[in-house]
Amino acid sequence: MILSPGVDTANANAVRIAKTHDICFVGEIEFSFWLTKAKIIAITGTNGKTTTSHLTYEALRRKNRRVFLGGNIGTPFSSFVLKTKKDDLVVLEISSFQLETIRSFKPYVSALLNVAPDHLDRYAAFKDYFDLKMDIFKNQDKDDWAVVNARIDLRGNGHKLKAKIVRFSDEFPNENFSCVYKIAGIFGVSRKVAAGVFAGFKGLPHRMQFLRQIRRISFINDSKATNPASVVWALGSLNAPVILIAGGKDKGLDFSGIVPHLKGVKKVFLFGEARRRIQNEIGSYVETLTLTSLKDCVSESFKQAEEGDVVLFSPMCSSFDMFSDYVERGNKFIEIVESF
């Protein structure tokens, strides 16, 4: 039985039935791994996975190797796995949901970008989520590579890696770039070549995507920001007064973590399932207003914004209360902004 990542392996009836009848169940990543001899570069973390996977793909292509890109980035591994050959490279973005259903999945390079609280509506505790992220290394051996953020304490969390460990930190101002540089270096890509890839990178849709400026009011689409840590990063990258639009499905996260980073935020407009709880946790520190829809939030933000302000759509929640995914949500934001 092959499970979608959306199936909660701890609570789904299908999983209970499979266990009762001793039926093997795996995810699409594990199943596809059985069908290839290509070397896998697997990248996980709470934030930055998609950007890092995309840049790793671009950097490795500079070595004139045939490289594939897929996984949680939006292209299923299974959609191209039968095209892969022994000398190919496959870059995969891997989520914690996908790691729940691996068994023998063994990347040649596994990378862990960062770990911050997320998906606590699915996991009982942060440790459960952290341990799942560490599972990306569990089948590796001494011939493989583990690329790990220097800020992550491996020994303190009781995890012993068998692969060769490479740490990244401040090799570049952006940690995503530093991780890509370390991964690419394993395959012989030079710092100069990696820097060239970064210099040509214009960003990805729905990730701090600048849309337009109207009356000197800037609009930024960061729909991919599905947890407080990603919003903290977004706020830290801006040097202008911010009107923040946030809200969505409540994943049980602690929204108060953004409070120390609200200095430049003038107002917060909230919508979706989590709007009341976010207001309760941050409303004492910044002016907040709850509305019924994303359109209302964008319209009200535009009315109240002043010259030089940034309207930042960085939801801090997943999209599944009102949208099919963050892409549909981001596209809706773009549509509303373009209608002004």
C-alpha atoms as a PDB file:
ATOM      1  CA  MET A   1       0.000   0.000   0.000  1.00  0.00           C
ATOM      2  CA  ILE A   2       1.406   3.385  -1.031  1.00  0.00           C
ATOM      3  CA  LEU A   3       0.254   6.273   1.152  1.00  0.00           C
ATOM      4  CA  SER A   4      -0.121   9.916   0.275  1.00  0.00           C
ATOM      5  CA  PRO A   5       1.902  12.203   2.605  1.00  0.00           C
ATOM      6  CA  GLY A   6      -1.434  13.690   3.671  1.00  0.00           C
ATOM      7  CA  VAL A   7      -2.414  10.436   5.379  1.00  0.00           C
ATOM      8  CA  ASP A   8      -1.687  10.624   9.115  1.00  0.00           C
ATOM      9  CA  THR A   9       0.094   7.330   9.809  1.00  0.00           C
ATOM     10  CA  ALA A  10      -0.669   7.553  13.525  1.00  0.00           C
ATOM     11  CA  ASN A  11      -4.442   7.813  13.157  1.00  0.00           C
ATOM     12  CA  ALA A  12      -5.603   6.699   9.700  1.00  0.00           C
ATOM     13  CA  ASN A  13      -7.949   3.700   9.504  1.00  0.00           C
ATOM     14  CA  ALA A  14      -6.130   2.502   6.377  1.00  0.00           C
ATOM     15  CA  VAL A  15      -2.901   2.224   8.365  1.00  0.00           C
ATOM     16  CA  ARG A  16      -4.638   0.331  11.193  1.00  0.00           C
ATOM     17  CA  ILE A  17      -6.025  -2.152   8.662  1.00  0.00           C
ATOM     18  CA  ALA A  18      -2.623  -2.566   7.001  1.00  0.00           C
ATOM     19  CA  LYS A  19      -0.959  -3.263  10.349  1.00  0.00           C
ATOM     20  CA  THR A  20      -3.686  -5.706  11.383  1.00  0.00           C
ATOM     21  CA  HIS A  21      -3.286  -7.732   8.186  1.00  0.00           C
ATOM     22  CA  ASP A  22       0.503  -7.346   7.978  1.00  0.00           C
ATOM     23  CA  ILE A  23       0.282  -5.378   4.721  1.00  0.00           C
ATOM     24  CA  CYS A  24       3.402  -3.425   3.811  1.00  0.00           C
ATOM     25  CA  PHE A  25       2.734   0.302   3.553  1.00  0.00           C
ATOM     26  CA  VAL A  26       5.228   2.885   2.310  1.00  0.00           C
ATOM     27  CA  GLY A  27       5.169   6.337   0.802  1.00  0.00           C
ATOM     28  CA  GLU A  28       5.766   7.338  -2.802  1.00  0.00           C
ATOM     29  CA  ILE A  29       9.337   8.433  -1.997  1.00  0.00           C
ATOM     30  CA  GLU A  30      10.242   4.992  -0.625  1.00  0.00           C
ATOM     31  CA  PHE A  31       8.520   3.165  -3.488  1.00  0.00           C
ATOM     32  CA  SER A  32      10.269   5.283  -6.125  1.00  0.00           C
ATOM     33  CA  PHE A  33      13.627   4.758  -4.410  1.00  0.00           C
ATOM     34  CA  TRP A  34      13.279   1.023  -5.097  1.00  0.00           C
ATOM     35  CA  LEU A  35      13.164   1.777  -8.824  1.00  0.00           C
ATOM     36  CA  THR A  36      16.331   3.827  -9.354  1.00  0.00           C
ATOM     37  CA  LYS A  37      20.104   3.430  -9.219  1.00  0.00           C
ATOM     38  CA  ALA A  38      20.715   7.192  -9.423  1.00  0.00           C
ATOM     39  CA  LYS A  39      22.356   8.994  -6.532  1.00  0.00           C
ATOM     40  CA  ILE A  40      19.853  10.791  -4.311  1.00  0.00           C
ATOM     41  CA  ILE A  41      20.392  14.205  -2.729  1.00  0.00           C
ATOM     42  CA  ALA A  42      17.604  14.589  -0.142  1.00  0.00           C
ATOM     43  CA  ILE A  43      16.938  17.937   1.540  1.00  0.00           C
ATOM     44  CA  THR A  44      14.692  18.516   4.540  1.00  0.00           C
ATOM     45  CA  GLY A  45      14.111  21.148   7.214  1.00  0.00           C
ATOM     46  CA  THR A  46      11.304  23.334   8.501  1.00  0.00           C
ATOM     47  CA  ASN A  47      11.982  26.330   6.256  1.00  0.00           C
ATOM     48  CA  GLY A  48      13.921  26.894   3.047  1.00  0.00           C
ATOM     49  CA  LYS A  49      13.625  23.382   1.587  1.00  0.00           C
ATOM     50  CA  THR A  50      12.232  24.399  -1.779  1.00  0.00           C
ATOM     51  CA  THR A  51      14.709  27.201  -2.427  1.00  0.00           C
ATOM     52  CA  THR A  52      17.644  25.027  -1.336  1.00  0.00           C
ATOM     53  CA  SER A  53      16.495  22.090  -3.479  1.00  0.00           C
ATOM     54  CA  HIS A  54      16.060  24.310  -6.514  1.00  0.00           C
ATOM     55  CA  LEU A  55      19.492  25.935  -6.117  1.00  0.00           C
ATOM     56  CA  THR A  56      21.162  22.561  -5.491  1.00  0.00           C
ATOM     57  CA  TYR A  57      19.640  21.311  -8.735  1.00  0.00           C
ATOM     58  CA  GLU A  58      20.948  24.372 -10.597  1.00  0.00           C
ATOM     59  CA  ALA A  59      24.433  24.110  -9.071  1.00  0.00           C
ATOM     60  CA  LEU A  60      24.796  20.402  -9.865  1.00  0.00           C
ATOM     61  CA  ARG A  61      23.740  20.962 -13.462  1.00  0.00           C
ATOM     62  CA  ARG A  62      26.917  23.020 -13.872  1.00  0.00           C
ATOM     63  CA  LYS A  63      28.911  19.759 -13.683  1.00  0.00           C
ATOM     64  CA  ASN A  64      27.353  18.580 -16.931  1.00  0.00           C
ATOM     65  CA  ARG A  65      25.552  15.795 -15.084  1.00  0.00           C
ATOM     66  CA  ARG A  66      21.979  14.781 -15.805  1.00  0.00           C
ATOM     67  CA  VAL A  67      20.044  16.019 -12.792  1.00  0.00           C
ATOM     68  CA  PHE A  68      16.386  15.590 -11.837  1.00  0.00           C
ATOM     69  CA  LEU A  69      14.409  17.674  -9.326  1.00  0.00           C
ATOM     70  CA  GLY A  70      11.312  16.519  -7.456  1.00  0.00           C
ATOM     71  CA  GLY A  71       9.690  15.417  -4.213  1.00  0.00           C
ATOM     72  CA  ASN A  72       7.800  17.797  -1.989  1.00  0.00           C
ATOM     73  CA  ILE A  73       8.807  20.624  -4.339  1.00  0.00           C
ATOM     74  CA  GLY A  74       5.756  19.731  -6.415  1.00  0.00           C
ATOM     75  CA  THR A  75       6.984  17.081  -8.900  1.00  0.00           C
ATOM     76  CA  PRO A  76       6.485  13.499  -7.651  1.00  0.00           C
ATOM     77  CA  PHE A  77       9.620  11.346  -7.664  1.00  0.00           C
ATOM     78  CA  SER A  78       7.552   8.587  -9.287  1.00  0.00           C
ATOM     79  CA  SER A  79       6.727  10.797 -12.280  1.00  0.00           C
ATOM     80  CA  PHE A  80      10.292  10.590 -13.600  1.00  0.00           C
ATOM     81  CA  VAL A  81      11.991   7.745 -11.704  1.00  0.00           C
ATOM     82  CA  LEU A  82      11.891   5.301 -14.641  1.00  0.00           C
ATOM     83  CA  LYS A  83      13.851   7.811 -16.736  1.00  0.00           C
ATOM     84  CA  THR A  84      16.770   7.866 -14.301  1.00  0.00           C
ATOM     85  CA  LYS A  85      20.043   6.006 -14.847  1.00  0.00           C
ATOM     86  CA  LYS A  86      22.954   4.989 -12.662  1.00  0.00           C
ATOM     87  CA  ASP A  87      25.080   8.078 -13.310  1.00  0.00           C
ATOM     88  CA  ASP A  88      22.216  10.550 -12.823  1.00  0.00           C
ATOM     89  CA  LEU A  89      21.605  12.720  -9.776  1.00  0.00           C
ATOM     90  CA  VAL A  90      18.183  13.221  -8.210  1.00  0.00           C
ATOM     91  CA  VAL A  91      17.552  16.200  -5.919  1.00  0.00           C
ATOM     92  CA  LEU A  92      14.522  15.686  -3.666  1.00  0.00           C
ATOM     93  CA  GLU A  93      12.803  18.035  -1.268  1.00  0.00           C
ATOM     94  CA  ILE A  94      11.568  15.839   1.581  1.00  0.00           C
ATOM     95  CA  SER A  95       8.904  16.706   4.162  1.00  0.00           C
ATOM     96  CA  SER A  96       8.383  15.196   7.606  1.00  0.00           C
ATOM     97  CA  PHE A  97       5.168  13.605   6.303  1.00  0.00           C
ATOM     98  CA  GLN A  98       7.169  11.807   3.609  1.00  0.00           C
ATOM     99  CA  LEU A  99       9.738  10.657   6.160  1.00  0.00           C
ATOM    100  CA  GLU A 100       6.997   8.896   8.146  1.00  0.00           C
ATOM    101  CA  THR A 101       6.774   6.203   5.461  1.00  0.00           C
ATOM    102  CA  ILE A 102      10.390   5.481   4.506  1.00  0.00           C
ATOM    103  CA  ARG A 103      11.994   2.109   5.219  1.00  0.00           C
ATOM    104  CA  SER A 104      15.128   1.617   3.117  1.00  0.00           C
ATOM    105  CA  PHE A 105      15.355   5.127   1.598  1.00  0.00           C
ATOM    106  CA  LYS A 106      19.076   5.854   1.549  1.00  0.00           C
ATOM    107  CA  PRO A 107      20.237   9.142   0.025  1.00  0.00           C
ATOM    108  CA  TYR A 108      23.871   9.532  -1.002  1.00  0.00           C
ATOM    109  CA  VAL A 109      23.615  13.056   0.448  1.00  0.00           C
ATOM    110  CA  SER A 110      21.094  14.020   3.118  1.00  0.00           C
ATOM    111  CA  ALA A 111      20.792  17.637   4.249  1.00  0.00           C
ATOM    112  CA  LEU A 112      19.055  19.138   7.276  1.00  0.00           C
ATOM    113  CA  LEU A 113      18.573  22.895   6.981  1.00  0.00           C
ATOM    114  CA  ASN A 114      16.909  23.763  10.287  1.00  0.00           C
ATOM    115  CA  VAL A 115      14.236  22.503  12.670  1.00  0.00           C
ATOM    116  CA  ALA A 116      11.607  24.724  14.297  1.00  0.00           C
ATOM    117  CA  PRO A 117       8.186  23.806  15.723  1.00  0.00           C
ATOM    118  CA  ASP A 118       5.732  22.871  12.972  1.00  0.00           C
ATOM    119  CA  HIS A 119       2.849  20.479  12.269  1.00  0.00           C
ATOM    120  CA  LEU A 120       2.007  20.140  15.954  1.00  0.00           C
ATOM    121  CA  ASP A 121      -1.546  19.329  14.901  1.00  0.00           C
ATOM    122  CA  ARG A 122      -0.097  16.041  13.607  1.00  0.00           C
ATOM    123  CA  TYR A 123       2.694  15.337  16.109  1.00  0.00           C
ATOM    124  CA  ALA A 124       2.226  15.072  19.867  1.00  0.00           C
ATOM    125  CA  ALA A 125       5.438  16.947  20.675  1.00  0.00           C
ATOM    126  CA  PHE A 126       8.265  18.847  18.996  1.00  0.00           C
ATOM    127  CA  LYS A 127      10.632  15.938  19.732  1.00  0.00           C
ATOM    128  CA  ASP A 128       8.502  13.648  17.548  1.00  0.00           C
ATOM    129  CA  TYR A 129       8.791  16.123  14.689  1.00  0.00           C
ATOM    130  CA  PHE A 130      12.543  16.562  15.234  1.00  0.00           C
ATOM    131  CA  ASP A 131      13.140  12.800  15.321  1.00  0.00           C
ATOM    132  CA  LEU A 132      11.296  12.409  12.015  1.00  0.00           C
ATOM    133  CA  LYS A 133      13.509  15.034  10.405  1.00  0.00           C
ATOM    134  CA  MET A 134      16.559  13.117  11.636  1.00  0.00           C
ATOM    135  CA  ASP A 135      15.231   9.968   9.956  1.00  0.00           C
ATOM    136  CA  ILE A 136      16.544  11.319   6.667  1.00  0.00           C
ATOM    137  CA  PHE A 137      19.965  10.087   7.880  1.00  0.00           C
ATOM    138  CA  LYS A 138      18.926   6.775   9.427  1.00  0.00           C
ATOM    139  CA  ASN A 139      19.804   4.407   6.539  1.00  0.00           C
ATOM    140  CA  GLN A 140      23.019   6.117   5.485  1.00  0.00           C
ATOM    141  CA  ASP A 141      26.430   4.529   6.017  1.00  0.00           C
ATOM    142  CA  LYS A 142      30.077   5.606   5.982  1.00  0.00           C
ATOM    143  CA  ASP A 143      30.066   6.037   2.195  1.00  0.00           C
ATOM    144  CA  ASP A 144      27.296   8.650   2.340  1.00  0.00           C
ATOM    145  CA  TRP A 145      27.204  12.318   3.348  1.00  0.00           C
ATOM    146  CA  ALA A 146      25.201  14.201   5.977  1.00  0.00           C
ATOM    147  CA  VAL A 147      25.093  17.979   5.507  1.00  0.00           C
ATOM    148  CA  VAL A 148      23.841  19.568   8.722  1.00  0.00           C
ATOM    149  CA  ASN A 149      23.325  23.110   9.997  1.00  0.00           C
ATOM    150  CA  ALA A 150      26.048  23.891  12.553  1.00  0.00           C
ATOM    151  CA  ARG A 151      23.386  25.220  14.937  1.00  0.00           C
ATOM    152  CA  ILE A 152      21.791  21.783  15.300  1.00  0.00           C
ATOM    153  CA  ASP A 153      23.137  19.812  18.259  1.00  0.00           C
ATOM    154  CA  LEU A 154      23.195  16.206  17.090  1.00  0.00           C
ATOM    155  CA  ARG A 155      24.732  14.615  20.187  1.00  0.00           C
ATOM    156  CA  GLY A 156      22.502  16.553  22.553  1.00  0.00           C
ATOM    157  CA  ASN A 157      19.468  15.035  20.868  1.00  0.00           C
ATOM    158  CA  GLY A 158      20.744  11.466  21.031  1.00  0.00           C
ATOM    159  CA  HIS A 159      21.265  10.979  17.308  1.00  0.00           C
ATOM    160  CA  LYS A 160      24.389   9.261  16.011  1.00  0.00           C
ATOM    161  CA  LEU A 161      25.008   9.588  12.295  1.00  0.00           C
ATOM    162  CA  LYS A 162      26.963   6.961  10.360  1.00  0.00           C
ATOM    163  CA  ALA A 163      27.545   9.118   7.277  1.00  0.00           C
ATOM    164  CA  LYS A 164      30.396  11.591   6.829  1.00  0.00           C
ATOM    165  CA  ILE A 165      29.221  14.837   8.452  1.00  0.00           C
ATOM    166  CA  VAL A 166      29.635  18.218   6.760  1.00  0.00           C
ATOM    167  CA  ARG A 167      28.549  21.295   8.681  1.00  0.00           C
ATOM    168  CA  PHE A 168      27.394  24.593   7.136  1.00  0.00           C
ATOM    169  CA  SER A 169      26.882  27.963   8.829  1.00  0.00           C
ATOM    170  CA  ASP A 170      28.010  31.341   7.480  1.00  0.00           C
ATOM    171  CA  GLU A 171      29.852  30.419   4.295  1.00  0.00           C
ATOM    172  CA  PHE A 172      27.358  32.772   2.612  1.00  0.00           C
ATOM    173  CA  PRO A 173      25.087  35.426   4.215  1.00  0.00           C
ATOM    174  CA  ASN A 174      22.090  33.197   3.469  1.00  0.00           C
ATOM    175  CA  GLU A 175      22.068  29.778   5.220  1.00  0.00           C
ATOM    176  CA  ASN A 176      20.245  28.192   2.280  1.00  0.00           C
ATOM    177  CA  PHE A 177      23.126  29.254   0.036  1.00  0.00           C
ATOM    178  CA  SER A 178      25.655  27.891   2.541  1.00  0.00           C
ATOM    179  CA  CYS A 179      23.927  24.513   2.524  1.00  0.00           C
ATOM    180  CA  VAL A 180      23.813  24.406  -1.273  1.00  0.00           C
ATOM    181  CA  TYR A 181      27.510  25.304  -1.421  1.00  0.00           C
ATOM    182  CA  LYS A 182      28.426  22.403   0.891  1.00  0.00           C
ATOM    183  CA  ILE A 183      26.269  19.919  -1.026  1.00  0.00           C
ATOM    184  CA  ALA A 184      27.604  21.054  -4.390  1.00  0.00           C
ATOM    185  CA  GLY A 185      31.167  20.843  -3.095  1.00  0.00           C
ATOM    186  CA  ILE A 186      30.748  17.104  -2.537  1.00  0.00           C
ATOM    187  CA  PHE A 187      30.301  16.808  -6.305  1.00  0.00           C
ATOM    188  CA  GLY A 188      33.202  19.106  -7.162  1.00  0.00           C
ATOM    189  CA  VAL A 189      31.311  22.364  -7.737  1.00  0.00           C
ATOM    190  CA  SER A 190      33.563  25.311  -6.829  1.00  0.00           C
ATOM    191  CA  ARG A 191      32.636  28.268  -4.649  1.00  0.00           C
ATOM    192  CA  LYS A 192      32.897  30.546  -7.695  1.00  0.00           C
ATOM    193  CA  VAL A 193      30.419  28.456  -9.663  1.00  0.00           C
ATOM    194  CA  ALA A 194      28.026  28.231  -6.692  1.00  0.00           C
ATOM    195  CA  ALA A 195      28.213  32.006  -6.166  1.00  0.00           C
ATOM    196  CA  GLY A 196      27.338  32.493  -9.820  1.00  0.00           C
ATOM    197  CA  VAL A 197      24.233  30.362  -9.375  1.00  0.00           C
ATOM    198  CA  PHE A 198      23.198  32.412  -6.350  1.00  0.00           C
ATOM    199  CA  ALA A 199      23.821  35.721  -8.141  1.00  0.00           C
ATOM    200  CA  GLY A 200      21.477  34.712 -10.929  1.00  0.00           C
ATOM    201  CA  PHE A 201      18.723  33.527  -8.579  1.00  0.00           C
ATOM    202  CA  LYS A 202      15.626  35.748  -8.742  1.00  0.00           C
ATOM    203  CA  GLY A 203      13.580  33.905  -6.134  1.00  0.00           C
ATOM    204  CA  LEU A 204      10.689  31.469  -6.423  1.00  0.00           C
ATOM    205  CA  PRO A 205       6.940  32.157  -6.563  1.00  0.00           C
ATOM    206  CA  HIS A 206       5.191  32.560  -3.185  1.00  0.00           C
ATOM    207  CA  ARG A 207       8.486  33.001  -1.291  1.00  0.00           C
ATOM    208  CA  MET A 208       9.033  36.692  -0.514  1.00  0.00           C
ATOM    209  CA  GLN A 209       7.854  37.390  -4.057  1.00  0.00           C
ATOM    210  CA  PHE A 210       7.670  41.101  -4.833  1.00  0.00           C
ATOM    211  CA  LEU A 211       4.493  41.722  -6.838  1.00  0.00           C
ATOM    212  CA  ARG A 212       4.102  45.424  -7.498  1.00  0.00           C
ATOM    213  CA  GLN A 213       4.147  48.901  -6.005  1.00  0.00           C
ATOM    214  CA  ILE A 214       1.048  51.096  -5.953  1.00  0.00           C
ATOM    215  CA  ARG A 215       1.317  54.669  -4.664  1.00  0.00           C
ATOM    216  CA  ARG A 216       4.702  53.635  -3.213  1.00  0.00           C
ATOM    217  CA  ILE A 217       3.051  50.815  -1.263  1.00  0.00           C
ATOM    218  CA  SER A 218       4.814  47.489  -1.921  1.00  0.00           C
ATOM    219  CA  PHE A 219       3.058  44.119  -1.985  1.00  0.00           C
ATOM    220  CA  ILE A 220       4.953  40.901  -1.184  1.00  0.00           C
ATOM    221  CA  ASN A 221       3.580  37.377  -1.574  1.00  0.00           C
ATOM    222  CA  ASP A 222       5.078  34.964   0.981  1.00  0.00           C
ATOM    223  CA  SER A 223       2.288  32.381   0.912  1.00  0.00           C
ATOM    224  CA  LYS A 224       4.827  29.571   1.487  1.00  0.00           C
ATOM    225  CA  ALA A 225       5.345  30.877   5.057  1.00  0.00           C
ATOM    226  CA  THR A 226       3.324  28.232   6.907  1.00  0.00           C
ATOM    227  CA  ASN A 227       4.830  28.597  10.408  1.00  0.00           C
ATOM    228  CA  PRO A 228       5.928  31.413  12.746  1.00  0.00           C
ATOM    229  CA  ALA A 229       9.663  30.820  12.152  1.00  0.00           C
ATOM    230  CA  SER A 230       9.295  31.598   8.452  1.00  0.00           C
ATOM    231  CA  VAL A 231       7.427  34.823   9.254  1.00  0.00           C
ATOM    232  CA  VAL A 232      10.207  35.864  11.624  1.00  0.00           C
ATOM    233  CA  TRP A 233      12.670  35.412   8.765  1.00  0.00           C
ATOM    234  CA  ALA A 234      10.445  37.421   6.404  1.00  0.00           C
ATOM    235  CA  LEU A 235      10.108  40.312   8.862  1.00  0.00           C
ATOM    236  CA  GLY A 236      13.851  40.324   9.470  1.00  0.00           C
ATOM    237  CA  SER A 237      14.539  40.752   5.763  1.00  0.00           C
ATOM    238  CA  LEU A 238      12.504  43.947   5.407  1.00  0.00           C
ATOM    239  CA  ASN A 239      13.619  47.498   6.181  1.00  0.00           C
ATOM    240  CA  ALA A 240      10.296  49.306   5.955  1.00  0.00           C
ATOM    241  CA  PRO A 241       7.087  49.633   7.979  1.00  0.00           C
ATOM    242  CA  VAL A 242       5.021  46.472   7.528  1.00  0.00           C
ATOM    243  CA  ILE A 243       1.329  45.688   7.436  1.00  0.00           C
ATOM    244  CA  LEU A 244       1.182  41.926   7.952  1.00  0.00           C
ATOM    245  CA  ILE A 245      -1.579  39.665   6.636  1.00  0.00           C
ATOM    246  CA  ALA A 246      -1.663  36.252   8.328  1.00  0.00           C
ATOM    247  CA  GLY A 247      -3.915  33.340   9.199  1.00  0.00           C
ATOM    248  CA  GLY A 248      -5.095  29.975   7.941  1.00  0.00           C
ATOM    249  CA  LYS A 249      -5.393  26.465   9.318  1.00  0.00           C
ATOM    250  CA  ASP A 250      -4.453  26.163  12.988  1.00  0.00           C
ATOM    251  CA  LYS A 251      -1.589  23.641  13.297  1.00  0.00           C
ATOM    252  CA  GLY A 252      -1.291  24.055  17.063  1.00  0.00           C
ATOM    253  CA  LEU A 253       1.806  26.252  16.854  1.00  0.00           C
ATOM    254  CA  ASP A 254       2.922  28.943  19.290  1.00  0.00           C
ATOM    255  CA  PHE A 255       2.390  32.261  17.519  1.00  0.00           C
ATOM    256  CA  SER A 256       3.807  34.319  20.384  1.00  0.00           C
ATOM    257  CA  GLY A 257       7.303  33.588  19.061  1.00  0.00           C
ATOM    258  CA  ILE A 258       6.945  36.419  16.559  1.00  0.00           C
ATOM    259  CA  VAL A 259       6.317  39.031  19.283  1.00  0.00           C
ATOM    260  CA  PRO A 260      10.002  40.085  19.644  1.00  0.00           C
ATOM    261  CA  HIS A 261      10.095  40.682  15.886  1.00  0.00           C
ATOM    262  CA  LEU A 262       7.040  42.951  15.607  1.00  0.00           C
ATOM    263  CA  LYS A 263       8.920  46.220  16.049  1.00  0.00           C
ATOM    264  CA  GLY A 264       8.479  47.256  12.425  1.00  0.00           C
ATOM    265  CA  VAL A 265       4.912  45.944  12.108  1.00  0.00           C
ATOM    266  CA  LYS A 266       2.243  48.651  12.180  1.00  0.00           C
ATOM    267  CA  LYS A 267      -0.834  46.408  12.000  1.00  0.00           C
ATOM    268  CA  VAL A 268      -1.775  42.758  11.529  1.00  0.00           C
ATOM    269  CA  PHE A 269      -4.842  41.708   9.570  1.00  0.00           C
ATOM    270  CA  LEU A 270      -6.000  38.151  10.290  1.00  0.00           C
ATOM    271  CA  PHE A 271      -8.289  35.685   8.527  1.00  0.00           C
ATOM    272  CA  GLY A 272      -8.980  31.956   8.545  1.00  0.00           C
ATOM    273  CA  GLU A 273      -9.399  29.290  11.200  1.00  0.00           C
ATOM    274  CA  ALA A 274      -6.489  30.463  13.385  1.00  0.00           C
ATOM    275  CA  ARG A 275      -7.310  34.188  13.358  1.00  0.00           C
ATOM    276  CA  ARG A 276      -8.762  34.374  16.881  1.00  0.00           C
ATOM    277  CA  ARG A 277      -5.928  32.434  18.476  1.00  0.00           C
ATOM    278  CA  ILE A 278      -3.279  34.509  16.738  1.00  0.00           C
ATOM    279  CA  GLN A 279      -5.061  37.656  17.915  1.00  0.00           C
ATOM    280  CA  ASN A 280      -5.123  36.351  21.482  1.00  0.00           C
ATOM    281  CA  GLU A 281      -1.383  35.599  21.429  1.00  0.00           C
ATOM    282  CA  ILE A 282      -0.053  38.770  19.779  1.00  0.00           C
ATOM    283  CA  GLY A 283      -2.893  41.292  20.117  1.00  0.00           C
ATOM    284  CA  SER A 284      -1.423  42.860  23.248  1.00  0.00           C
ATOM    285  CA  TYR A 285       1.731  43.825  21.345  1.00  0.00           C
ATOM    286  CA  VAL A 286       0.441  45.054  17.995  1.00  0.00           C
ATOM    287  CA  GLU A 287      -2.830  46.353  16.583  1.00  0.00           C
ATOM    288  CA  THR A 288      -4.780  43.441  15.059  1.00  0.00           C
ATOM    289  CA  LEU A 289      -8.021  43.137  13.140  1.00  0.00           C
ATOM    290  CA  THR A 290      -9.816  39.886  12.265  1.00  0.00           C
ATOM    291  CA  LEU A 291     -11.703  39.667   8.962  1.00  0.00           C
ATOM    292  CA  THR A 292     -13.585  36.922   7.163  1.00  0.00           C
ATOM    293  CA  SER A 293     -11.548  36.539   3.980  1.00  0.00           C
ATOM    294  CA  LEU A 294      -8.166  37.106   2.397  1.00  0.00           C
ATOM    295  CA  LYS A 295      -9.742  39.592  -0.008  1.00  0.00           C
ATOM    296  CA  ASP A 296     -11.048  41.677   2.892  1.00  0.00           C
ATOM    297  CA  CYS A 297      -7.600  41.647   4.526  1.00  0.00           C
ATOM    298  CA  VAL A 298      -5.848  42.788   1.358  1.00  0.00           C
ATOM    299  CA  SER A 299      -8.408  45.484   0.642  1.00  0.00           C
ATOM    300  CA  GLU A 300      -8.281  46.844   4.197  1.00  0.00           C
ATOM    301  CA  SER A 301      -4.483  46.745   4.209  1.00  0.00           C
ATOM    302  CA  PHE A 302      -4.369  48.792   1.015  1.00  0.00           C
ATOM    303  CA  LYS A 303      -6.817  51.332   2.451  1.00  0.00           C
ATOM    304  CA  GLN A 304      -4.797  51.819   5.627  1.00  0.00           C
ATOM    305  CA  ALA A 305      -1.277  51.628   4.182  1.00  0.00           C
ATOM    306  CA  GLU A 306       0.798  54.754   3.694  1.00  0.00           C
ATOM    307  CA  GLU A 307       3.584  55.623   1.271  1.00  0.00           C
ATOM    308  CA  GLY A 308       6.676  53.539   1.974  1.00  0.00           C
ATOM    309  CA  ASP A 309       4.774  50.723   3.691  1.00  0.00           C
ATOM    310  CA  VAL A 310       5.071  47.040   2.751  1.00  0.00           C
ATOM    311  CA  VAL A 311       1.960  44.862   2.716  1.00  0.00           C
ATOM    312  CA  LEU A 312       3.398  41.450   3.548  1.00  0.00           C
ATOM    313  CA  PHE A 313       1.282  38.339   3.037  1.00  0.00           C
ATOM    314  CA  SER A 314       3.096  35.832   5.244  1.00  0.00           C
ATOM    315  CA  PRO A 315       0.332  33.609   6.648  1.00  0.00           C
ATOM    316  CA  MET A 316       2.159  31.733   9.456  1.00  0.00           C
ATOM    317  CA  CYS A 317      -0.339  28.872   8.952  1.00  0.00           C
ATOM    318  CA  SER A 318      -1.095  26.188   6.396  1.00  0.00           C
ATOM    319  CA  SER A 319      -3.741  26.880   3.772  1.00  0.00           C
ATOM    320  CA  PHE A 320      -6.056  23.907   4.098  1.00  0.00           C
ATOM    321  CA  ASP A 321      -8.929  25.652   5.878  1.00  0.00           C
ATOM    322  CA  MET A 322      -9.747  27.739   2.785  1.00  0.00           C
ATOM    323  CA  PHE A 323      -7.419  26.689  -0.062  1.00  0.00           C
ATOM    324  CA  SER A 324      -6.088  23.468  -1.587  1.00  0.00           C
ATOM    325  CA  ASP A 325      -2.463  24.490  -0.957  1.00  0.00           C
ATOM    326  CA  TYR A 326      -0.155  27.478  -0.499  1.00  0.00           C
ATOM    327  CA  VAL A 327       0.093  27.910  -4.292  1.00  0.00           C
ATOM    328  CA  GLU A 328      -3.648  28.444  -4.720  1.00  0.00           C
ATOM    329  CA  ARG A 329      -3.578  30.787  -1.714  1.00  0.00           C
ATOM    330  CA  GLY A 330      -0.649  32.763  -3.126  1.00  0.00           C
ATOM    331  CA  ASN A 331      -2.251  32.978  -6.548  1.00  0.00           C
ATOM    332  CA  LYS A 332      -5.403  34.347  -4.943  1.00  0.00           C
ATOM    333  CA  PHE A 333      -3.355  37.037  -3.209  1.00  0.00           C
ATOM    334  CA  ILE A 334      -1.699  37.913  -6.524  1.00  0.00           C
ATOM    335  CA  GLU A 335      -5.105  38.108  -8.238  1.00  0.00           C
ATOM    336  CA  ILE A 336      -6.450  40.472  -5.575  1.00  0.00           C
ATOM    337  CA  VAL A 337      -3.392  42.743  -5.688  1.00  0.00           C
ATOM    338  CA  GLU A 338      -3.460  42.881  -9.490  1.00  0.00           C
ATOM    339  CA  SER A 339      -7.104  43.966  -9.373  1.00  0.00           C
ATOM    340  CA  PHE A 340      -6.220  47.278  -7.672  1.00  0.00           C
END
